[in-house]
Structure formats: structure tokens, C-alpha cells
Amino acid sequence: MFEFDQYLGFLSFLTILTIGFWLMIFLLTFVIPYWLIGALREYIKYGRKVEVEKQKK
């Protein structure tokens, strides 16, 4: 059926596929929302800071 080198190739393919799948799940559920929420917070802080500076003038 399979020779040993084909078996190792198949196992390495499954390993890479599984790592890619879990990495994509991790990025979509944690990293990207964390990045977007942080960027939104910074944008809001910057907007408030600009408003305060305008009121001081």
C-alpha cells in the first residue's frame, strides 16, 4: 500500500495542514479582533485628544 517514505510524506502533509488550520482559527478568533479593538481605542483616544486641543485654543 504505502512505502515508508510515502507514509512520512503523508504524515508531514497532515501535520502542516493541521497546523495551518489551527493557526487560521487562532488568528480569526483572537489576534484580528484584538488588533481591531486596540486600533479603535487608539482612534477614539486620538479624537478626544484633538477635541481637547481645539477647545484650549
C-alpha atoms as a PDB file:
ATOM      1  CA  MET A   1       0.000   0.000   0.000  1.00  0.00           C
ATOM      2  CA  PHE A   2       2.338   2.772   1.231  1.00  0.00           C
ATOM      3  CA  GLU A   3       6.077   2.668   1.392  1.00  0.00           C
ATOM      4  CA  PHE A   4       7.758   4.220   4.409  1.00  0.00           C
ATOM      5  CA  ASP A   5       8.792   7.465   2.645  1.00  0.00           C
ATOM      6  CA  GLN A   6       5.266   7.928   1.287  1.00  0.00           C
ATOM      7  CA  TYR A   7       3.913   7.384   4.786  1.00  0.00           C
ATOM      8  CA  LEU A   8       6.249  10.078   6.178  1.00  0.00           C
ATOM      9  CA  GLY A   9       5.246  12.457   3.398  1.00  0.00           C
ATOM     10  CA  PHE A  10       1.581  11.873   4.133  1.00  0.00           C
ATOM     11  CA  LEU A  11       2.118  12.444   7.857  1.00  0.00           C
ATOM     12  CA  SER A  12       4.061  15.660   7.210  1.00  0.00           C
ATOM     13  CA  PHE A  13       1.281  16.862   4.885  1.00  0.00           C
ATOM     14  CA  LEU A  14      -1.361  16.185   7.551  1.00  0.00           C
ATOM     15  CA  THR A  15       0.778  17.922  10.180  1.00  0.00           C
ATOM     16  CA  ILE A  16       1.229  21.049   8.060  1.00  0.00           C
ATOM     17  CA  LEU A  17      -2.468  21.085   7.163  1.00  0.00           C
ATOM     18  CA  THR A  18      -3.500  20.775  10.817  1.00  0.00           C
ATOM     19  CA  ILE A  19      -1.070  23.486  11.960  1.00  0.00           C
ATOM     20  CA  GLY A  20      -2.385  25.821   9.254  1.00  0.00           C
ATOM     21  CA  PHE A  21      -5.977  25.138  10.224  1.00  0.00           C
ATOM     22  CA  TRP A  22      -5.442  25.866  13.915  1.00  0.00           C
ATOM     23  CA  LEU A  23      -3.322  28.929  13.131  1.00  0.00           C
ATOM     24  CA  MET A  24      -6.130  30.330  10.981  1.00  0.00           C
ATOM     25  CA  ILE A  25      -8.684  29.652  13.734  1.00  0.00           C
ATOM     26  CA  PHE A  26      -6.419  31.366  16.290  1.00  0.00           C
ATOM     27  CA  LEU A  27      -5.884  34.398  14.065  1.00  0.00           C
ATOM     28  CA  LEU A  28      -9.554  34.819  13.219  1.00  0.00           C
ATOM     29  CA  THR A  29     -10.841  34.432  16.763  1.00  0.00           C
ATOM     30  CA  PHE A  30      -8.183  36.175  18.845  1.00  0.00           C
ATOM     31  CA  VAL A  31      -5.460  38.140  17.054  1.00  0.00           C
ATOM     32  CA  ILE A  32      -7.506  40.042  14.473  1.00  0.00           C
ATOM     33  CA  PRO A  33     -10.300  41.127  16.897  1.00  0.00           C
ATOM     34  CA  TYR A  34      -7.660  42.125  19.465  1.00  0.00           C
ATOM     35  CA  TRP A  35      -5.867  44.218  16.837  1.00  0.00           C
ATOM     36  CA  LEU A  36      -9.097  45.863  15.624  1.00  0.00           C
ATOM     37  CA  ILE A  37     -10.311  46.705  19.139  1.00  0.00           C
ATOM     38  CA  GLY A  38      -6.906  48.184  20.033  1.00  0.00           C
ATOM     39  CA  ALA A  39      -6.851  50.264  16.848  1.00  0.00           C
ATOM     40  CA  LEU A  40     -10.369  51.523  17.543  1.00  0.00           C
ATOM     41  CA  ARG A  41      -9.422  52.511  21.103  1.00  0.00           C
ATOM     42  CA  GLU A  42      -6.388  54.427  19.870  1.00  0.00           C
ATOM     43  CA  TYR A  43      -8.501  56.179  17.225  1.00  0.00           C
ATOM     44  CA  ILE A  44     -11.054  57.238  19.853  1.00  0.00           C
ATOM     45  CA  LYS A  45      -8.308  58.447  22.220  1.00  0.00           C
ATOM     46  CA  TYR A  46      -6.730  60.466  19.409  1.00  0.00           C
ATOM     47  CA  GLY A  47     -10.102  62.009  18.517  1.00  0.00           C
ATOM     48  CA  ARG A  48     -10.700  63.054  22.124  1.00  0.00           C
ATOM     49  CA  LYS A  49      -7.220  64.500  22.375  1.00  0.00           C
ATOM     50  CA  VAL A  50      -7.771  66.579  19.238  1.00  0.00           C
ATOM     51  CA  GLU A  51     -11.087  67.865  20.616  1.00  0.00           C
ATOM     52  CA  VAL A  52      -9.421  68.901  23.896  1.00  0.00           C
ATOM     53  CA  GLU A  53      -6.654  70.695  21.995  1.00  0.00           C
ATOM     54  CA  LYS A  54      -9.220  72.570  19.888  1.00  0.00           C
ATOM     55  CA  GLN A  55     -11.137  73.667  22.994  1.00  0.00           C
ATOM     56  CA  LYS A  56      -7.951  75.001  24.619  1.00  0.00           C
ATOM     57  CA  LYS A  57      -7.284  77.315  21.665  1.00  0.00           C
END
